[in-house]
Amino acid sequence: RAAQPSLSAHPTSTMTRQYRTSLASRERNRMHARKTRQRKKEHMQNLQDRADELKRKQIQLKQSINEKNTASILLGMFSKSKDGKDAGTSIDPKVEDLLKR
């Protein structure tokens, strides 16, 4: 009668190999997950920095618009006399400075 190979011929070495493979696979997965989380964290920080930068720029632009509007109003007030005639070149230097911004 021919000997049939037993399913448990070398159970320990097969199980050990599978266990090592499983451990290696889990470690690779852990490393990949760690790197993915780190990339996401960096990306979110970059987005937050950009949002902060844009918010500062928005505030700066709004201030500039307000200053120009104020200068325009002042120019209108000081460029005409009470009777509606042009007052000439009597523009306040502060108004001129605001207009140059």
PDB file of N, CA and C in Angstrom:
ATOM      1  N   ARG A   1       0.826  -1.149   0.000  1.00  0.00           N
ATOM      2  CA  ARG A   1       0.000   0.000   0.000  1.00  0.00           C
ATOM      3  C   ARG A   1       0.888   1.235   0.000  1.00  0.00           C
ATOM      4  N   ALA A   2       0.500   2.245  -0.820  1.00  0.00           N
ATOM      5  CA  ALA A   2       1.323   3.443  -0.949  1.00  0.00           C
ATOM      6  C   ALA A   2       1.038   4.385   0.212  1.00  0.00           C
ATOM      7  N   ALA A   3       2.073   5.015   0.645  1.00  0.00           N
ATOM      8  CA  ALA A   3       1.928   5.956   1.762  1.00  0.00           C
ATOM      9  C   ALA A   3       1.372   7.262   1.239  1.00  0.00           C
ATOM     10  N   GLN A   4       0.336   7.687   1.878  1.00  0.00           N
ATOM     11  CA  GLN A   4      -0.251   8.971   1.503  1.00  0.00           C
ATOM     12  C   GLN A   4       0.387  10.075   2.344  1.00  0.00           C
ATOM     13  N   PRO A   5       0.663  11.190   1.674  1.00  0.00           N
ATOM     14  CA  PRO A   5       1.252  12.277   2.461  1.00  0.00           C
ATOM     15  C   PRO A   5       0.236  12.781   3.467  1.00  0.00           C
ATOM     16  N   SER A   6       0.666  12.907   4.633  1.00  0.00           N
ATOM     17  CA  SER A   6      -0.193  13.368   5.713  1.00  0.00           C
ATOM     18  C   SER A   6      -0.356  14.890   5.622  1.00  0.00           C
ATOM     19  N   LEU A   7      -1.547  15.372   5.924  1.00  0.00           N
ATOM     20  CA  LEU A   7      -1.793  16.804   5.934  1.00  0.00           C
ATOM     21  C   LEU A   7      -0.989  17.486   7.039  1.00  0.00           C
ATOM     22  N   SER A   8      -0.644  16.709   8.012  1.00  0.00           N
ATOM     23  CA  SER A   8       0.107  17.292   9.119  1.00  0.00           C
ATOM     24  C   SER A   8       1.558  16.824   9.077  1.00  0.00           C
ATOM     25  N   ALA A   9       2.115  16.739   7.872  1.00  0.00           N
ATOM     26  CA  ALA A   9       3.494  16.275   7.723  1.00  0.00           C
ATOM     27  C   ALA A   9       4.444  17.206   8.455  1.00  0.00           C
ATOM     28  N   HIS A  10       4.320  18.471   8.201  1.00  0.00           N
ATOM     29  CA  HIS A  10       5.150  19.459   8.897  1.00  0.00           C
ATOM     30  C   HIS A  10       4.274  20.619   9.355  1.00  0.00           C
ATOM     31  N   PRO A  11       3.376  20.350  10.236  1.00  0.00           N
ATOM     32  CA  PRO A  11       2.429  21.390  10.629  1.00  0.00           C
ATOM     33  C   PRO A  11       3.111  22.586  11.295  1.00  0.00           C
ATOM     34  N   THR A  12       4.145  22.328  12.031  1.00  0.00           N
ATOM     35  CA  THR A  12       4.780  23.413  12.763  1.00  0.00           C
ATOM     36  C   THR A  12       5.450  24.393  11.814  1.00  0.00           C
ATOM     37  N   SER A  13       6.192  23.899  10.820  1.00  0.00           N
ATOM     38  CA  SER A  13       6.881  24.812   9.911  1.00  0.00           C
ATOM     39  C   SER A  13       5.886  25.575   9.032  1.00  0.00           C
ATOM     40  N   THR A  14       4.813  24.921   8.595  1.00  0.00           N
ATOM     41  CA  THR A  14       3.796  25.601   7.783  1.00  0.00           C
ATOM     42  C   THR A  14       3.093  26.669   8.605  1.00  0.00           C
ATOM     43  N   MET A  15       2.728  26.332   9.819  1.00  0.00           N
ATOM     44  CA  MET A  15       2.056  27.297  10.686  1.00  0.00           C
ATOM     45  C   MET A  15       2.991  28.457  11.030  1.00  0.00           C
ATOM     46  N   THR A  16       4.252  28.146  11.245  1.00  0.00           N
ATOM     47  CA  THR A  16       5.222  29.193  11.564  1.00  0.00           C
ATOM     48  C   THR A  16       5.381  30.134  10.382  1.00  0.00           C
ATOM     49  N   ARG A  17       5.458  29.601   9.175  1.00  0.00           N
ATOM     50  CA  ARG A  17       5.599  30.413   7.972  1.00  0.00           C
ATOM     51  C   ARG A  17       4.365  31.295   7.790  1.00  0.00           C
ATOM     52  N   GLN A  18       3.192  30.726   7.966  1.00  0.00           N
ATOM     53  CA  GLN A  18       1.961  31.500   7.824  1.00  0.00           C
ATOM     54  C   GLN A  18       1.885  32.598   8.886  1.00  0.00           C
ATOM     55  N   TYR A  19       2.308  32.257  10.089  1.00  0.00           N
ATOM     56  CA  TYR A  19       2.288  33.224  11.188  1.00  0.00           C
ATOM     57  C   TYR A  19       3.233  34.391  10.886  1.00  0.00           C
ATOM     58  N   ARG A  20       4.434  34.073  10.392  1.00  0.00           N
ATOM     59  CA  ARG A  20       5.401  35.122  10.042  1.00  0.00           C
ATOM     60  C   ARG A  20       4.873  35.995   8.903  1.00  0.00           C
ATOM     61  N   THR A  21       4.285  35.352   7.920  1.00  0.00           N
ATOM     62  CA  THR A  21       3.720  36.093   6.790  1.00  0.00           C
ATOM     63  C   THR A  21       2.607  37.017   7.272  1.00  0.00           C
ATOM     64  N   SER A  22       1.780  36.510   8.152  1.00  0.00           N
ATOM     65  CA  SER A  22       0.684  37.298   8.701  1.00  0.00           C
ATOM     66  C   SER A  22       1.218  38.482   9.506  1.00  0.00           C
ATOM     67  N   LEU A  23       2.236  38.242  10.309  1.00  0.00           N
ATOM     68  CA  LEU A  23       2.830  39.320  11.094  1.00  0.00           C
ATOM     69  C   LEU A  23       3.445  40.384  10.186  1.00  0.00           C
ATOM     70  N   ALA A  24       4.146  39.956   9.156  1.00  0.00           N
ATOM     71  CA  ALA A  24       4.772  40.889   8.223  1.00  0.00           C
ATOM     72  C   ALA A  24       3.703  41.707   7.499  1.00  0.00           C
ATOM     73  N   SER A  25       2.634  41.042   7.110  1.00  0.00           N
ATOM     74  CA  SER A  25       1.547  41.723   6.417  1.00  0.00           C
ATOM     75  C   SER A  25       0.904  42.767   7.332  1.00  0.00           C
ATOM     76  N   ARG A  26       0.677  42.404   8.571  1.00  0.00           N
ATOM     77  CA  ARG A  26       0.086  43.345   9.520  1.00  0.00           C
ATOM     78  C   ARG A  26       1.007  44.539   9.768  1.00  0.00           C
ATOM     79  N   GLU A  27       2.310  44.262   9.854  1.00  0.00           N
ATOM     80  CA  GLU A  27       3.271  45.344  10.074  1.00  0.00           C
ATOM     81  C   GLU A  27       3.298  46.304   8.877  1.00  0.00           C
ATOM     82  N   ARG A  28       3.268  45.745   7.654  1.00  0.00           N
ATOM     83  CA  ARG A  28       3.220  46.597   6.461  1.00  0.00           C
ATOM     84  C   ARG A  28       1.953  47.452   6.466  1.00  0.00           C
ATOM     85  N   ASN A  29       0.859  46.834   6.822  1.00  0.00           N
ATOM     86  CA  ASN A  29      -0.413  47.548   6.877  1.00  0.00           C
ATOM     87  C   ASN A  29      -0.362  48.665   7.928  1.00  0.00           C
ATOM     88  N   ARG A  30       0.215  48.384   9.080  1.00  0.00           N
ATOM     89  CA  ARG A  30       0.348  49.389  10.134  1.00  0.00           C
ATOM     90  C   ARG A  30       1.196  50.571   9.664  1.00  0.00           C
ATOM     91  N   MET A  31       2.308  50.262   8.996  1.00  0.00           N
ATOM     92  CA  MET A  31       3.197  51.316   8.497  1.00  0.00           C
ATOM     93  C   MET A  31       2.484  52.169   7.440  1.00  0.00           C
ATOM     94  N   HIS A  32       1.775  51.495   6.543  1.00  0.00           N
ATOM     95  CA  HIS A  32       1.035  52.224   5.508  1.00  0.00           C
ATOM     96  C   HIS A  32      -0.021  53.127   6.140  1.00  0.00           C
ATOM     97  N   ALA A  33      -0.747  52.618   7.113  1.00  0.00           N
ATOM     98  CA  ALA A  33      -1.787  53.404   7.791  1.00  0.00           C
ATOM     99  C   ALA A  33      -1.161  54.596   8.510  1.00  0.00           C
ATOM    100  N   ARG A  34      -0.023  54.389   9.149  1.00  0.00           N
ATOM    101  CA  ARG A  34       0.664  55.473   9.853  1.00  0.00           C
ATOM    102  C   ARG A  34       1.077  56.573   8.867  1.00  0.00           C
ATOM    103  N   LYS A  35       1.660  56.168   7.742  1.00  0.00           N
ATOM    104  CA  LYS A  35       2.085  57.142   6.728  1.00  0.00           C
ATOM    105  C   LYS A  35       0.878  57.889   6.152  1.00  0.00           C
ATOM    106  N   THR A  36      -0.210  57.160   5.926  1.00  0.00           N
ATOM    107  CA  THR A  36      -1.426  57.776   5.384  1.00  0.00           C
ATOM    108  C   THR A  36      -1.975  58.813   6.360  1.00  0.00           C
ATOM    109  N   ARG A  37      -2.018  58.477   7.642  1.00  0.00           N
ATOM    110  CA  ARG A  37      -2.502  59.432   8.646  1.00  0.00           C
ATOM    111  C   ARG A  37      -1.598  60.663   8.711  1.00  0.00           C
ATOM    112  N   GLN A  38      -0.282  60.443   8.618  1.00  0.00           N
ATOM    113  CA  GLN A  38       0.661  61.561   8.657  1.00  0.00           C
ATOM    114  C   GLN A  38       0.476  62.484   7.446  1.00  0.00           C
ATOM    115  N   ARG A  39       0.304  61.891   6.256  1.00  0.00           N
ATOM    116  CA  ARG A  39       0.076  62.696   5.052  1.00  0.00           C
ATOM    117  C   ARG A  39      -1.213  63.508   5.176  1.00  0.00           C
ATOM    118  N   LYS A  40      -2.251  62.883   5.707  1.00  0.00           N
ATOM    119  CA  LYS A  40      -3.527  63.570   5.875  1.00  0.00           C
ATOM    120  C   LYS A  40      -3.373  64.726   6.865  1.00  0.00           C
ATOM    121  N   LYS A  41      -2.646  64.491   7.950  1.00  0.00           N
ATOM    122  CA  LYS A  41      -2.427  65.526   8.952  1.00  0.00           C
ATOM    123  C   LYS A  41      -1.676  66.714   8.340  1.00  0.00           C
ATOM    124  N   GLU A  42      -0.643  66.438   7.557  1.00  0.00           N
ATOM    125  CA  GLU A  42       0.126  67.500   6.903  1.00  0.00           C
ATOM    126  C   GLU A  42      -0.745  68.258   5.898  1.00  0.00           C
ATOM    127  N   HIS A  43      -1.555  67.513   5.149  1.00  0.00           N
ATOM    128  CA  HIS A  43      -2.438  68.139   4.166  1.00  0.00           C
ATOM    129  C   HIS A  43      -3.438  69.063   4.867  1.00  0.00           C
ATOM    130  N   MET A  44      -4.024  68.601   5.959  1.00  0.00           N
ATOM    131  CA  MET A  44      -4.991  69.413   6.699  1.00  0.00           C
ATOM    132  C   MET A  44      -4.321  70.665   7.271  1.00  0.00           C
ATOM    133  N   GLN A  45      -3.078  70.527   7.751  1.00  0.00           N
ATOM    134  CA  GLN A  45      -2.357  71.678   8.283  1.00  0.00           C
ATOM    135  C   GLN A  45      -2.079  72.694   7.176  1.00  0.00           C
ATOM    136  N   ASN A  46      -1.694  72.198   5.994  1.00  0.00           N
ATOM    137  CA  ASN A  46      -1.461  73.086   4.856  1.00  0.00           C
ATOM    138  C   ASN A  46      -2.734  73.834   4.464  1.00  0.00           C
ATOM    139  N   LEU A  47      -3.859  73.131   4.475  1.00  0.00           N
ATOM    140  CA  LEU A  47      -5.139  73.771   4.161  1.00  0.00           C
ATOM    141  C   LEU A  47      -5.500  74.829   5.199  1.00  0.00           C
ATOM    142  N   GLN A  48      -5.251  74.530   6.471  1.00  0.00           N
ATOM    143  CA  GLN A  48      -5.547  75.485   7.539  1.00  0.00           C
ATOM    144  C   GLN A  48      -4.663  76.720   7.412  1.00  0.00           C
ATOM    145  N   ASP A  49      -3.377  76.511   7.115  1.00  0.00           N
ATOM    146  CA  ASP A  49      -2.458  77.640   6.922  1.00  0.00           C
ATOM    147  C   ASP A  49      -2.917  78.516   5.764  1.00  0.00           C
ATOM    148  N   ARG A  50      -3.335  77.880   4.677  1.00  0.00           N
ATOM    149  CA  ARG A  50      -3.807  78.621   3.493  1.00  0.00           C
ATOM    150  C   ARG A  50      -5.080  79.402   3.824  1.00  0.00           C
ATOM    151  N   ALA A  51      -5.984  78.775   4.574  1.00  0.00           N
ATOM    152  CA  ALA A  51      -7.227  79.454   4.967  1.00  0.00           C
ATOM    153  C   ALA A  51      -6.910  80.675   5.832  1.00  0.00           C
ATOM    154  N   ASP A  52      -5.970  80.536   6.764  1.00  0.00           N
ATOM    155  CA  ASP A  52      -5.575  81.656   7.619  1.00  0.00           C
ATOM    156  C   ASP A  52      -4.965  82.782   6.781  1.00  0.00           C
ATOM    157  N   GLU A  53      -4.118  82.407   5.840  1.00  0.00           N
ATOM    158  CA  GLU A  53      -3.476  83.389   4.956  1.00  0.00           C
ATOM    159  C   GLU A  53      -4.532  84.150   4.136  1.00  0.00           C
ATOM    160  N   LEU A  54      -5.502  83.419   3.595  1.00  0.00           N
ATOM    161  CA  LEU A  54      -6.559  84.054   2.800  1.00  0.00           C
ATOM    162  C   LEU A  54      -7.434  84.957   3.662  1.00  0.00           C
ATOM    163  N   LYS A  55      -7.681  84.559   4.894  1.00  0.00           N
ATOM    164  CA  LYS A  55      -8.484  85.382   5.806  1.00  0.00           C
ATOM    165  C   LYS A  55      -7.763  86.689   6.110  1.00  0.00           C
ATOM    166  N   ARG A  56      -6.432  86.611   6.343  1.00  0.00           N
ATOM    167  CA  ARG A  56      -5.659  87.833   6.580  1.00  0.00           C
ATOM    168  C   ARG A  56      -5.704  88.751   5.353  1.00  0.00           C
ATOM    169  N   LYS A  57      -5.580  88.171   4.184  1.00  0.00           N
ATOM    170  CA  LYS A  57      -5.613  88.941   2.938  1.00  0.00           C
ATOM    171  C   LYS A  57      -6.986  89.600   2.762  1.00  0.00           C
ATOM    172  N   GLN A  58      -8.051  88.866   3.080  1.00  0.00           N
ATOM    173  CA  GLN A  58      -9.404  89.412   2.976  1.00  0.00           C
ATOM    174  C   GLN A  58      -9.569  90.623   3.891  1.00  0.00           C
ATOM    175  N   ILE A  59      -9.080  90.514   5.115  1.00  0.00           N
ATOM    176  CA  ILE A  59      -9.171  91.624   6.062  1.00  0.00           C
ATOM    177  C   ILE A  59      -8.390  92.825   5.540  1.00  0.00           C
ATOM    178  N   GLN A  60      -7.198  92.562   5.028  1.00  0.00           N
ATOM    179  CA  GLN A  60      -6.358  93.626   4.478  1.00  0.00           C
ATOM    180  C   GLN A  60      -7.061  94.325   3.304  1.00  0.00           C
ATOM    181  N   LEU A  61      -7.671  93.554   2.417  1.00  0.00           N
ATOM    182  CA  LEU A  61      -8.362  94.135   1.274  1.00  0.00           C
ATOM    183  C   LEU A  61      -9.583  94.942   1.703  1.00  0.00           C
ATOM    184  N   LYS A  62     -10.321  94.441   2.694  1.00  0.00           N
ATOM    185  CA  LYS A  62     -11.483  95.180   3.192  1.00  0.00           C
ATOM    186  C   LYS A  62     -11.051  96.512   3.805  1.00  0.00           C
ATOM    187  N   GLN A  63      -9.938  96.499   4.538  1.00  0.00           N
ATOM    188  CA  GLN A  63      -9.439  97.743   5.124  1.00  0.00           C
ATOM    189  C   GLN A  63      -9.036  98.728   4.033  1.00  0.00           C
ATOM    190  N   SER A  64      -8.400  98.206   3.008  1.00  0.00           N
ATOM    191  CA  SER A  64      -7.984  99.054   1.893  1.00  0.00           C
ATOM    192  C   SER A  64      -9.196  99.678   1.196  1.00  0.00           C
ATOM    193  N   ILE A  65     -10.228  98.884   0.974  1.00  0.00           N
ATOM    194  CA  ILE A  65     -11.462  99.392   0.356  1.00  0.00           C
ATOM    195  C   ILE A  65     -12.086 100.474   1.235  1.00  0.00           C
ATOM    196  N   ASN A  66     -12.148 100.218   2.535  1.00  0.00           N
ATOM    197  CA  ASN A  66     -12.731 101.200   3.455  1.00  0.00           C
ATOM    198  C   ASN A  66     -11.938 102.506   3.450  1.00  0.00           C
ATOM    199  N   GLU A  67     -10.608 102.390   3.411  1.00  0.00           N
ATOM    200  CA  GLU A  67      -9.772 103.592   3.381  1.00  0.00           C
ATOM    201  C   GLU A  67     -10.000 104.382   2.092  1.00  0.00           C
ATOM    202  N   LYS A  68     -10.101 103.677   0.982  1.00  0.00           N
ATOM    203  CA  LYS A  68     -10.325 104.352  -0.295  1.00  0.00           C
ATOM    204  C   LYS A  68     -11.708 105.002  -0.338  1.00  0.00           C
ATOM    205  N   ASN A  69     -12.698 104.309   0.213  1.00  0.00           N
ATOM    206  CA  ASN A  69     -14.044 104.907   0.274  1.00  0.00           C
ATOM    207  C   ASN A  69     -14.036 106.161   1.142  1.00  0.00           C
ATOM    208  N   THR A  70     -13.354 106.073   2.277  1.00  0.00           N
ATOM    209  CA  THR A  70     -13.256 107.230   3.170  1.00  0.00           C
ATOM    210  C   THR A  70     -12.543 108.375   2.467  1.00  0.00           C
ATOM    211  N   ALA A  71     -11.455 108.069   1.775  1.00  0.00           N
ATOM    212  CA  ALA A  71     -10.708 109.100   1.051  1.00  0.00           C
ATOM    213  C   ALA A  71     -11.575 109.738  -0.026  1.00  0.00           C
ATOM    214  N   SER A  72     -12.353 108.939  -0.697  1.00  0.00           N
ATOM    215  CA  SER A  72     -13.232 109.449  -1.750  1.00  0.00           C
ATOM    216  C   SER A  72     -14.279 110.396  -1.165  1.00  0.00           C
ATOM    217  N   ILE A  73     -14.837 110.009  -0.046  1.00  0.00           N
ATOM    218  CA  ILE A  73     -15.834 110.861   0.621  1.00  0.00           C
ATOM    219  C   ILE A  73     -15.189 112.170   1.061  1.00  0.00           C
ATOM    220  N   LEU A  74     -14.009 112.074   1.671  1.00  0.00           N
ATOM    221  CA  LEU A  74     -13.312 113.279   2.127  1.00  0.00           C
ATOM    222  C   LEU A  74     -12.942 114.173   0.953  1.00  0.00           C
ATOM    223  N   LEU A  75     -12.516 113.561  -0.123  1.00  0.00           N
ATOM    224  CA  LEU A  75     -12.165 114.329  -1.317  1.00  0.00           C
ATOM    225  C   LEU A  75     -13.387 115.086  -1.830  1.00  0.00           C
ATOM    226  N   GLY A  76     -14.512 114.411  -1.838  1.00  0.00           N
ATOM    227  CA  GLY A  76     -15.748 115.067  -2.269  1.00  0.00           C
ATOM    228  C   GLY A  76     -16.132 116.203  -1.356  1.00  0.00           C
ATOM    229  N   MET A  77     -15.895 116.037  -0.056  1.00  0.00           N
ATOM    230  CA  MET A  77     -16.244 117.079   0.909  1.00  0.00           C
ATOM    231  C   MET A  77     -15.324 118.287   0.786  1.00  0.00           C
ATOM    232  N   PHE A  78     -14.042 118.041   0.587  1.00  0.00           N
ATOM    233  CA  PHE A  78     -13.073 119.137   0.599  1.00  0.00           C
ATOM    234  C   PHE A  78     -12.786 119.733  -0.773  1.00  0.00           C
ATOM    235  N   SER A  79     -13.238 119.108  -1.829  1.00  0.00           N
ATOM    236  CA  SER A  79     -12.924 119.633  -3.153  1.00  0.00           C
ATOM    237  C   SER A  79     -13.911 120.691  -3.613  1.00  0.00           C
ATOM    238  N   LYS A  80     -15.037 120.849  -2.946  1.00  0.00           N
ATOM    239  CA  LYS A  80     -16.031 121.853  -3.323  1.00  0.00           C
ATOM    240  C   LYS A  80     -16.310 122.750  -2.125  1.00  0.00           C
ATOM    241  N   SER A  81     -16.462 123.982  -2.402  1.00  0.00           N
ATOM    242  CA  SER A  81     -16.810 124.915  -1.326  1.00  0.00           C
ATOM    243  C   SER A  81     -18.297 124.769  -1.021  1.00  0.00           C
ATOM    244  N   LYS A  82     -18.763 125.525  -0.041  1.00  0.00           N
ATOM    245  CA  LYS A  82     -20.168 125.421   0.366  1.00  0.00           C
ATOM    246  C   LYS A  82     -21.135 125.836  -0.742  1.00  0.00           C
ATOM    247  N   ASP A  83     -20.720 126.720  -1.600  1.00  0.00           N
ATOM    248  CA  ASP A  83     -21.628 127.160  -2.664  1.00  0.00           C
ATOM    249  C   ASP A  83     -21.546 126.264  -3.892  1.00  0.00           C
ATOM    250  N   GLY A  84     -20.788 125.166  -3.811  1.00  0.00           N
ATOM    251  CA  GLY A  84     -20.741 124.206  -4.899  1.00  0.00           C
ATOM    252  C   GLY A  84     -19.625 124.436  -5.887  1.00  0.00           C
ATOM    253  N   LYS A  85     -18.853 125.515  -5.710  1.00  0.00           N
ATOM    254  CA  LYS A  85     -17.756 125.795  -6.629  1.00  0.00           C
ATOM    255  C   LYS A  85     -16.509 125.033  -6.206  1.00  0.00           C
ATOM    256  N   ASP A  86     -15.648 124.768  -7.161  1.00  0.00           N
ATOM    257  CA  ASP A  86     -14.405 124.049  -6.891  1.00  0.00           C
ATOM    258  C   ASP A  86     -13.511 124.893  -6.000  1.00  0.00           C
ATOM    259  N   ALA A  87     -12.983 124.294  -4.962  1.00  0.00           N
ATOM    260  CA  ALA A  87     -12.155 125.023  -4.011  1.00  0.00           C
ATOM    261  C   ALA A  87     -10.695 125.050  -4.435  1.00  0.00           C
ATOM    262  N   GLY A  88     -10.356 124.462  -5.558  1.00  0.00           N
ATOM    263  CA  GLY A  88      -8.984 124.496  -6.052  1.00  0.00           C
ATOM    264  C   GLY A  88      -8.140 123.363  -5.514  1.00  0.00           C
ATOM    265  N   THR A  89      -6.929 123.682  -5.150  1.00  0.00           N
ATOM    266  CA  THR A  89      -5.973 122.650  -4.724  1.00  0.00           C
ATOM    267  C   THR A  89      -5.836 122.604  -3.215  1.00  0.00           C
ATOM    268  N   SER A  90      -6.876 122.885  -2.497  1.00  0.00           N
ATOM    269  CA  SER A  90      -6.806 122.894  -1.031  1.00  0.00           C
ATOM    270  C   SER A  90      -7.159 121.531  -0.435  1.00  0.00           C
ATOM    271  N   ILE A  91      -6.594 120.471  -1.022  1.00  0.00           N
ATOM    272  CA  ILE A  91      -6.862 119.125  -0.509  1.00  0.00           C
ATOM    273  C   ILE A  91      -5.906 118.847   0.645  1.00  0.00           C
ATOM    274  N   ASP A  92      -6.462 118.364   1.695  1.00  0.00           N
ATOM    275  CA  ASP A  92      -5.679 118.012   2.877  1.00  0.00           C
ATOM    276  C   ASP A  92      -4.639 116.940   2.517  1.00  0.00           C
ATOM    277  N   PRO A  93      -3.390 117.068   2.955  1.00  0.00           N
ATOM    278  CA  PRO A  93      -2.359 116.061   2.643  1.00  0.00           C
ATOM    279  C   PRO A  93      -2.709 114.668   3.155  1.00  0.00           C
ATOM    280  N   LYS A  94      -3.453 114.588   4.233  1.00  0.00           N
ATOM    281  CA  LYS A  94      -3.874 113.274   4.760  1.00  0.00           C
ATOM    282  C   LYS A  94      -4.826 112.592   3.786  1.00  0.00           C
ATOM    283  N   VAL A  95      -5.687 113.383   3.176  1.00  0.00           N
ATOM    284  CA  VAL A  95      -6.628 112.843   2.177  1.00  0.00           C
ATOM    285  C   VAL A  95      -5.846 112.352   0.971  1.00  0.00           C
ATOM    286  N   GLU A  96      -4.859 113.157   0.525  1.00  0.00           N
ATOM    287  CA  GLU A  96      -4.028 112.739  -0.612  1.00  0.00           C
ATOM    288  C   GLU A  96      -3.311 111.423  -0.311  1.00  0.00           C
ATOM    289  N   ASP A  97      -2.819 111.308   0.923  1.00  0.00           N
ATOM    290  CA  ASP A  97      -2.121 110.072   1.312  1.00  0.00           C
ATOM    291  C   ASP A  97      -3.059 108.879   1.256  1.00  0.00           C
ATOM    292  N   LEU A  98      -4.287 109.060   1.716  1.00  0.00           N
ATOM    293  CA  LEU A  98      -5.266 107.968   1.657  1.00  0.00           C
ATOM    294  C   LEU A  98      -5.588 107.580   0.220  1.00  0.00           C
ATOM    295  N   LEU A  99      -5.663 108.566  -0.654  1.00  0.00           N
ATOM    296  CA  LEU A  99      -5.969 108.285  -2.053  1.00  0.00           C
ATOM    297  C   LEU A  99      -4.847 107.532  -2.759  1.00  0.00           C
ATOM    298  N   LYS A 100      -3.627 107.723  -2.318  1.00  0.00           N
ATOM    299  CA  LYS A 100      -2.472 107.065  -2.954  1.00  0.00           C
ATOM    300  C   LYS A 100      -2.355 105.589  -2.575  1.00  0.00           C
ATOM    301  N   ARG A 101      -2.988 105.181  -1.542  1.00  0.00           N
ATOM    302  CA  ARG A 101      -2.870 103.781  -1.094  1.00  0.00           C
ATOM    303  C   ARG A 101      -3.518 102.829  -2.045  1.00  0.00           C
TER     304      ARG A 101
END
